[in-house]
Structures are given as C-alpha cells and as structure tokens.
C-alpha cells in the first residue's frame, strides 16, 4: 500500500513539475515582454515629459523671481 501511494505522489509530482515548468517559461517570456515595453515606450516618454515639466517649472520660477523683484522696487 505504501509503495502504491509513493507511486501516485511521484506521478502527481512529475505532472506538477511539467505544468509549472511550462508556466514558468511563459511567465519568463511575459516578464521579458513587459521589460522591453517599459524600456522602449514608457521610459522615453517619462524622460520627455519630465524634461518638459522641468522647463515649465523653470519658466514659472523665473516669472516669480521677476514678480518679486518688481514688487520690491515699488
């Protein structure tokens, strides 16, 4: 009886290994695709938009500095 149980457990274990092995391969491929997408699409857009935001902030700060200087003179 113990030998039969061990055989069933080994069989189930092999089936699970096969199933999870295939899943891990698919998961690895999906992760690679996500990383590629982030590197090619998201990162460049964030860099572009963040530089635009910095330029806008710099312009607003320059305007604020001009305003402060004008109010001091008045």
PDB file of N, CA and C in Angstrom:
ATOM      1  N   UNK A   1       0.822  -1.193   0.000  1.00  0.00           N
ATOM      2  CA  UNK A   1       0.000   0.000   0.000  1.00  0.00           C
ATOM      3  C   UNK A   1       0.870   1.262   0.000  1.00  0.00           C
ATOM      4  N   UNK A   2       1.942   1.260   0.790  1.00  0.00           N
ATOM      5  CA  UNK A   2       2.821   2.425   0.852  1.00  0.00           C
ATOM      6  C   UNK A   2       3.503   2.647  -0.484  1.00  0.00           C
ATOM      7  N   UNK A   3       3.885   1.557  -1.166  1.00  0.00           N
ATOM      8  CA  UNK A   3       4.533   1.697  -2.472  1.00  0.00           C
ATOM      9  C   UNK A   3       3.582   2.292  -3.484  1.00  0.00           C
ATOM     10  N   UNK A   4       2.315   1.900  -3.442  1.00  0.00           N
ATOM     11  CA  UNK A   4       1.320   2.438  -4.370  1.00  0.00           C
ATOM     12  C   UNK A   4       1.120   3.936  -4.116  1.00  0.00           C
ATOM     13  N   UNK A   5       1.074   4.330  -2.861  1.00  0.00           N
ATOM     14  CA  UNK A   5       0.910   5.749  -2.530  1.00  0.00           C
ATOM     15  C   UNK A   5       2.103   6.552  -3.014  1.00  0.00           C
ATOM     16  N   UNK A   6       3.324   6.021  -2.818  1.00  0.00           N
ATOM     17  CA  UNK A   6       4.518   6.724  -3.282  1.00  0.00           C
ATOM     18  C   UNK A   6       4.492   6.886  -4.789  1.00  0.00           C
ATOM     19  N   UNK A   7       4.039   5.862  -5.492  1.00  0.00           N
ATOM     20  CA  UNK A   7       3.957   5.942  -6.956  1.00  0.00           C
ATOM     21  C   UNK A   7       2.998   7.027  -7.399  1.00  0.00           C
ATOM     22  N   UNK A   8       1.853   7.141  -6.697  1.00  0.00           N
ATOM     23  CA  UNK A   8       0.879   8.178  -7.046  1.00  0.00           C
ATOM     24  C   UNK A   8       1.440   9.567  -6.775  1.00  0.00           C
ATOM     25  N   UNK A   9       2.106   9.709  -5.632  1.00  0.00           N
ATOM     26  CA  UNK A   9       2.676  11.008  -5.300  1.00  0.00           C
ATOM     27  C   UNK A   9       3.763  11.403  -6.285  1.00  0.00           C
ATOM     28  N   UNK A  10       4.584  10.437  -6.679  1.00  0.00           N
ATOM     29  CA  UNK A  10       5.632  10.738  -7.657  1.00  0.00           C
ATOM     30  C   UNK A  10       5.020  11.133  -8.986  1.00  0.00           C
ATOM     31  N   UNK A  11       3.965  10.428  -9.373  1.00  0.00           N
ATOM     32  CA  UNK A  11       3.288  10.742 -10.632  1.00  0.00           C
ATOM     33  C   UNK A  11       2.686  12.141 -10.583  1.00  0.00           C
ATOM     34  N   UNK A  12       2.035  12.451  -9.484  1.00  0.00           N
ATOM     35  CA  UNK A  12       1.450  13.782  -9.329  1.00  0.00           C
ATOM     36  C   UNK A  12       2.560  14.828  -9.317  1.00  0.00           C
ATOM     37  N   UNK A  13       3.643  14.524  -8.630  1.00  0.00           N
ATOM     38  CA  UNK A  13       4.774  15.448  -8.578  1.00  0.00           C
ATOM     39  C   UNK A  13       5.345  15.718  -9.956  1.00  0.00           C
ATOM     40  N   UNK A  14       5.490  14.693 -10.770  1.00  0.00           N
ATOM     41  CA  UNK A  14       6.005  14.870 -12.136  1.00  0.00           C
ATOM     42  C   UNK A  14       5.055  15.734 -12.963  1.00  0.00           C
ATOM     43  N   UNK A  15       3.753  15.444 -12.844  1.00  0.00           N
ATOM     44  CA  UNK A  15       2.771  16.225 -13.598  1.00  0.00           C
ATOM     45  C   UNK A  15       2.811  17.701 -13.186  1.00  0.00           C
ATOM     46  N   UNK A  16       2.950  17.939 -11.891  1.00  0.00           N
ATOM     47  CA  UNK A  16       3.019  19.320 -11.411  1.00  0.00           C
ATOM     48  C   UNK A  16       4.296  19.993 -11.908  1.00  0.00           C
ATOM     49  N   UNK A  17       5.397  19.272 -11.895  1.00  0.00           N
ATOM     50  CA  UNK A  17       6.654  19.832 -12.407  1.00  0.00           C
ATOM     51  C   UNK A  17       6.525  20.208 -13.877  1.00  0.00           C
ATOM     52  N   UNK A  18       5.912  19.326 -14.661  1.00  0.00           N
ATOM     53  CA  UNK A  18       5.725  19.617 -16.082  1.00  0.00           C
ATOM     54  C   UNK A  18       4.841  20.851 -16.268  1.00  0.00           C
ATOM     55  N   UNK A  19       3.748  20.889 -15.527  1.00  0.00           N
ATOM     56  CA  UNK A  19       2.803  22.003 -15.658  1.00  0.00           C
ATOM     57  C   UNK A  19       3.447  23.319 -15.234  1.00  0.00           C
ATOM     58  N   UNK A  20       4.080  23.339 -14.080  1.00  0.00           N
ATOM     59  CA  UNK A  20       4.682  24.572 -13.589  1.00  0.00           C
ATOM     60  C   UNK A  20       5.917  24.953 -14.400  1.00  0.00           C
ATOM     61  N   UNK A  21       6.596  23.971 -14.964  1.00  0.00           N
ATOM     62  CA  UNK A  21       7.732  24.278 -15.833  1.00  0.00           C
ATOM     63  C   UNK A  21       7.287  25.065 -17.049  1.00  0.00           C
ATOM     64  N   UNK A  22       6.181  24.642 -17.658  1.00  0.00           N
ATOM     65  CA  UNK A  22       5.621  25.347 -18.814  1.00  0.00           C
ATOM     66  C   UNK A  22       5.149  26.735 -18.394  1.00  0.00           C
ATOM     67  N   UNK A  23       4.497  26.818 -17.237  1.00  0.00           N
ATOM     68  CA  UNK A  23       4.018  28.118 -16.741  1.00  0.00           C
ATOM     69  C   UNK A  23       5.178  29.065 -16.479  1.00  0.00           C
ATOM     70  N   UNK A  24       6.243  28.563 -15.902  1.00  0.00           N
ATOM     71  CA  UNK A  24       7.368  29.443 -15.606  1.00  0.00           C
ATOM     72  C   UNK A  24       8.025  29.943 -16.886  1.00  0.00           C
ATOM     73  N   UNK A  25       8.065  29.101 -17.920  1.00  0.00           N
ATOM     74  CA  UNK A  25       8.601  29.558 -19.208  1.00  0.00           C
ATOM     75  C   UNK A  25       7.745  30.672 -19.785  1.00  0.00           C
ATOM     76  N   UNK A  26       6.423  30.497 -19.731  1.00  0.00           N
ATOM     77  CA  UNK A  26       5.515  31.528 -20.238  1.00  0.00           C
ATOM     78  C   UNK A  26       5.630  32.804 -19.417  1.00  0.00           C
ATOM     79  N   UNK A  27       5.726  32.645 -18.109  1.00  0.00           N
ATOM     80  CA  UNK A  27       5.855  33.802 -17.241  1.00  0.00           C
ATOM     81  C   UNK A  27       7.151  34.554 -17.524  1.00  0.00           C
ATOM     82  N   UNK A  28       8.223  33.826 -17.731  1.00  0.00           N
ATOM     83  CA  UNK A  28       9.508  34.459 -18.048  1.00  0.00           C
ATOM     84  C   UNK A  28       9.417  35.242 -19.354  1.00  0.00           C
ATOM     85  N   UNK A  29       8.749  34.673 -20.362  1.00  0.00           N
ATOM     86  CA  UNK A  29       8.572  35.382 -21.631  1.00  0.00           C
ATOM     87  C   UNK A  29       7.738  36.649 -21.441  1.00  0.00           C
ATOM     88  N   UNK A  30       6.673  36.551 -20.626  1.00  0.00           N
ATOM     89  CA  UNK A  30       5.829  37.719 -20.376  1.00  0.00           C
ATOM     90  C   UNK A  30       6.618  38.819 -19.669  1.00  0.00           C
ATOM     91  N   UNK A  31       7.421  38.445 -18.706  1.00  0.00           N
ATOM     92  CA  UNK A  31       8.225  39.432 -17.982  1.00  0.00           C
ATOM     93  C   UNK A  31       9.202  40.114 -18.935  1.00  0.00           C
ATOM     94  N   UNK A  32       9.814  39.353 -19.826  1.00  0.00           N
ATOM     95  CA  UNK A  32      10.736  39.940 -20.807  1.00  0.00           C
ATOM     96  C   UNK A  32      10.005  40.931 -21.703  1.00  0.00           C
ATOM     97  N   UNK A  33       8.772  40.586 -22.113  1.00  0.00           N
ATOM     98  CA  UNK A  33       7.984  41.494 -22.953  1.00  0.00           C
ATOM     99  C   UNK A  33       7.634  42.777 -22.211  1.00  0.00           C
ATOM    100  N   UNK A  34       7.278  42.661 -20.946  1.00  0.00           N
ATOM    101  CA  UNK A  34       6.936  43.837 -20.153  1.00  0.00           C
ATOM    102  C   UNK A  34       8.160  44.739 -19.997  1.00  0.00           C
ATOM    103  N   UNK A  35       9.305  44.157 -19.718  1.00  0.00           N
ATOM    104  CA  UNK A  35      10.532  44.941 -19.568  1.00  0.00           C
ATOM    105  C   UNK A  35      10.875  45.653 -20.864  1.00  0.00           C
ATOM    106  N   UNK A  36      10.749  44.959 -21.977  1.00  0.00           N
ATOM    107  CA  UNK A  36      11.015  45.571 -23.284  1.00  0.00           C
ATOM    108  C   UNK A  36      10.060  46.732 -23.535  1.00  0.00           C
ATOM    109  N   UNK A  37       8.776  46.534 -23.234  1.00  0.00           N
ATOM    110  CA  UNK A  37       7.787  47.596 -23.418  1.00  0.00           C
ATOM    111  C   UNK A  37       8.133  48.815 -22.561  1.00  0.00           C
ATOM    112  N   UNK A  38       8.469  48.569 -21.298  1.00  0.00           N
ATOM    113  CA  UNK A  38       8.825  49.677 -20.412  1.00  0.00           C
ATOM    114  C   UNK A  38      10.037  50.433 -20.932  1.00  0.00           C
ATOM    115  N   UNK A  39      11.055  49.696 -21.359  1.00  0.00           N
ATOM    116  CA  UNK A  39      12.285  50.334 -21.838  1.00  0.00           C
ATOM    117  C   UNK A  39      12.081  51.091 -23.138  1.00  0.00           C
ATOM    118  N   UNK A  40      11.242  50.554 -24.031  1.00  0.00           N
ATOM    119  CA  UNK A  40      11.091  51.173 -25.353  1.00  0.00           C
ATOM    120  C   UNK A  40      10.001  52.237 -25.408  1.00  0.00           C
ATOM    121  N   UNK A  41       8.957  52.104 -24.604  1.00  0.00           N
ATOM    122  CA  UNK A  41       7.815  53.023 -24.698  1.00  0.00           C
ATOM    123  C   UNK A  41       7.675  53.943 -23.492  1.00  0.00           C
ATOM    124  N   UNK A  42       7.723  53.387 -22.313  1.00  0.00           N
ATOM    125  CA  UNK A  42       7.406  54.165 -21.120  1.00  0.00           C
ATOM    126  C   UNK A  42       8.564  55.069 -20.707  1.00  0.00           C
ATOM    127  N   UNK A  43       9.753  54.519 -20.612  1.00  0.00           N
ATOM    128  CA  UNK A  43      10.906  55.300 -20.142  1.00  0.00           C
ATOM    129  C   UNK A  43      11.170  56.520 -21.026  1.00  0.00           C
ATOM    130  N   UNK A  44      11.202  56.370 -22.352  1.00  0.00           N
ATOM    131  CA  UNK A  44      11.426  57.573 -23.179  1.00  0.00           C
ATOM    132  C   UNK A  44      10.344  58.642 -22.987  1.00  0.00           C
ATOM    133  N   UNK A  45       9.106  58.213 -22.843  1.00  0.00           N
ATOM    134  CA  UNK A  45       8.022  59.181 -22.647  1.00  0.00           C
ATOM    135  C   UNK A  45       8.149  59.895 -21.307  1.00  0.00           C
ATOM    136  N   UNK A  46       8.503  59.157 -20.284  1.00  0.00           N
ATOM    137  CA  UNK A  46       8.698  59.782 -18.967  1.00  0.00           C
ATOM    138  C   UNK A  46       9.847  60.780 -19.030  1.00  0.00           C
ATOM    139  N   UNK A  47      10.917  60.404 -19.697  1.00  0.00           N
ATOM    140  CA  UNK A  47      12.054  61.321 -19.817  1.00  0.00           C
ATOM    141  C   UNK A  47      11.652  62.585 -20.567  1.00  0.00           C
ATOM    142  N   UNK A  48      10.917  62.421 -21.641  1.00  0.00           N
ATOM    143  CA  UNK A  48      10.499  63.579 -22.434  1.00  0.00           C
ATOM    144  C   UNK A  48       9.565  64.473 -21.629  1.00  0.00           C
ATOM    145  N   UNK A  49       8.587  63.866 -20.992  1.00  0.00           N
ATOM    146  CA  UNK A  49       7.613  64.668 -20.241  1.00  0.00           C
ATOM    147  C   UNK A  49       8.234  65.297 -19.005  1.00  0.00           C
ATOM    148  N   UNK A  50       9.163  64.608 -18.371  1.00  0.00           N
ATOM    149  CA  UNK A  50       9.771  65.199 -17.179  1.00  0.00           C
ATOM    150  C   UNK A  50      10.649  66.390 -17.555  1.00  0.00           C
ATOM    151  N   UNK A  51      11.314  66.329 -18.707  1.00  0.00           N
ATOM    152  CA  UNK A  51      12.112  67.485 -19.121  1.00  0.00           C
ATOM    153  C   UNK A  51      11.202  68.657 -19.472  1.00  0.00           C
ATOM    154  N   UNK A  52      10.052  68.379 -20.065  1.00  0.00           N
ATOM    155  CA  UNK A  52       9.090  69.454 -20.346  1.00  0.00           C
ATOM    156  C   UNK A  52       8.588  70.065 -19.050  1.00  0.00           C
ATOM    157  N   UNK A  53       8.301  69.220 -18.070  1.00  0.00           N
ATOM    158  CA  UNK A  53       7.816  69.723 -16.781  1.00  0.00           C
ATOM    159  C   UNK A  53       8.876  70.583 -16.112  1.00  0.00           C
ATOM    160  N   UNK A  54      10.136  70.181 -16.200  1.00  0.00           N
ATOM    161  CA  UNK A  54      11.213  70.986 -15.616  1.00  0.00           C
ATOM    162  C   UNK A  54      11.331  72.337 -16.313  1.00  0.00           C
ATOM    163  N   UNK A  55      11.177  72.346 -17.634  1.00  0.00           N
ATOM    164  CA  UNK A  55      11.252  73.615 -18.365  1.00  0.00           C
ATOM    165  C   UNK A  55      10.102  74.540 -17.961  1.00  0.00           C
ATOM    166  N   UNK A  56       8.909  73.984 -17.811  1.00  0.00           N
ATOM    167  CA  UNK A  56       7.751  74.790 -17.399  1.00  0.00           C
ATOM    168  C   UNK A  56       7.977  75.331 -15.985  1.00  0.00           C
ATOM    169  N   UNK A  57       8.470  74.462 -15.091  1.00  0.00           N
ATOM    170  CA  UNK A  57       8.734  74.898 -13.719  1.00  0.00           C
ATOM    171  C   UNK A  57       9.796  75.997 -13.700  1.00  0.00           C
ATOM    172  N   UNK A  58      10.829  75.857 -14.514  1.00  0.00           N
ATOM    173  CA  UNK A  58      11.882  76.875 -14.578  1.00  0.00           C
ATOM    174  C   UNK A  58      11.311  78.199 -15.071  1.00  0.00           C
ATOM    175  N   UNK A  59      10.441  78.136 -16.063  1.00  0.00           N
ATOM    176  CA  UNK A  59       9.812  79.355 -16.582  1.00  0.00           C
ATOM    177  C   UNK A  59       8.955  80.018 -15.506  1.00  0.00           C
ATOM    178  N   UNK A  60       8.178  79.226 -14.792  1.00  0.00           N
ATOM    179  CA  UNK A  60       7.332  79.771 -13.729  1.00  0.00           C
ATOM    180  C   UNK A  60       8.177  80.372 -12.611  1.00  0.00           C
ATOM    181  N   UNK A  61       9.268  79.722 -12.253  1.00  0.00           N
ATOM    182  CA  UNK A  61      10.151  80.272 -11.223  1.00  0.00           C
ATOM    183  C   UNK A  61      10.791  81.584 -11.668  1.00  0.00           C
ATOM    184  N   UNK A  62      11.158  81.668 -12.936  1.00  0.00           N
ATOM    185  CA  UNK A  62      11.722  82.916 -13.461  1.00  0.00           C
ATOM    186  C   UNK A  62      10.679  84.031 -13.389  1.00  0.00           C
ATOM    187  N   UNK A  63       9.443  83.719 -13.730  1.00  0.00           N
ATOM    188  CA  UNK A  63       8.367  84.712 -13.633  1.00  0.00           C
ATOM    189  C   UNK A  63       8.157  85.151 -12.185  1.00  0.00           C
ATOM    190  N   UNK A  64       8.198  84.181 -11.273  1.00  0.00           N
ATOM    191  CA  UNK A  64       8.039  84.509  -9.852  1.00  0.00           C
ATOM    192  C   UNK A  64       9.169  85.419  -9.380  1.00  0.00           C
ATOM    193  N   UNK A  65      10.387  85.112  -9.781  1.00  0.00           N
ATOM    194  CA  UNK A  65      11.535  85.948  -9.401  1.00  0.00           C
ATOM    195  C   UNK A  65      11.364  87.359  -9.954  1.00  0.00           C
ATOM    196  N   UNK A  66      10.928  87.471 -11.202  1.00  0.00           N
ATOM    197  CA  UNK A  66      10.681  88.803 -11.790  1.00  0.00           C
ATOM    198  C   UNK A  66       9.620  89.552 -10.996  1.00  0.00           C
ATOM    199  N   UNK A  67       8.565  88.870 -10.628  1.00  0.00           N
ATOM    200  CA  UNK A  67       7.477  89.488  -9.863  1.00  0.00           C
ATOM    201  C   UNK A  67       7.975  89.977  -8.507  1.00  0.00           C
ATOM    202  N   UNK A  68       8.763  89.163  -7.825  1.00  0.00           N
ATOM    203  CA  UNK A  68       9.310  89.552  -6.518  1.00  0.00           C
ATOM    204  C   UNK A  68      10.196  90.784  -6.661  1.00  0.00           C
ATOM    205  N   UNK A  69      11.036  90.799  -7.689  1.00  0.00           N
ATOM    206  CA  UNK A  69      11.914  91.955  -7.910  1.00  0.00           C
ATOM    207  C   UNK A  69      11.100  93.214  -8.196  1.00  0.00           C
ATOM    208  N   UNK A  70      10.042  93.096  -8.992  1.00  0.00           N
ATOM    209  CA  UNK A  70       9.207  94.262  -9.293  1.00  0.00           C
ATOM    210  C   UNK A  70       8.518  94.786  -8.048  1.00  0.00           C
ATOM    211  N   UNK A  71       8.021  93.875  -7.197  1.00  0.00           N
ATOM    212  CA  UNK A  71       7.303  94.334  -6.000  1.00  0.00           C
ATOM    213  C   UNK A  71       8.250  94.957  -4.985  1.00  0.00           C
ATOM    214  N   UNK A  72       9.514  94.536  -4.955  1.00  0.00           N
ATOM    215  CA  UNK A  72      10.491  95.139  -4.049  1.00  0.00           C
ATOM    216  C   UNK A  72      10.786  96.576  -4.467  1.00  0.00           C
ATOM    217  N   UNK A  73      10.857  96.804  -5.758  1.00  0.00           N
ATOM    218  CA  UNK A  73      11.181  98.143  -6.282  1.00  0.00           C
ATOM    219  C   UNK A  73      10.038  99.132  -6.048  1.00  0.00           C
ATOM    220  N   UNK A  74       8.841  98.612  -6.028  1.00  0.00           N
ATOM    221  CA  UNK A  74       7.683  99.507  -5.924  1.00  0.00           C
ATOM    222  C   UNK A  74       7.419 100.021  -4.553  1.00  0.00           C
TER     223      UNK A  74
END
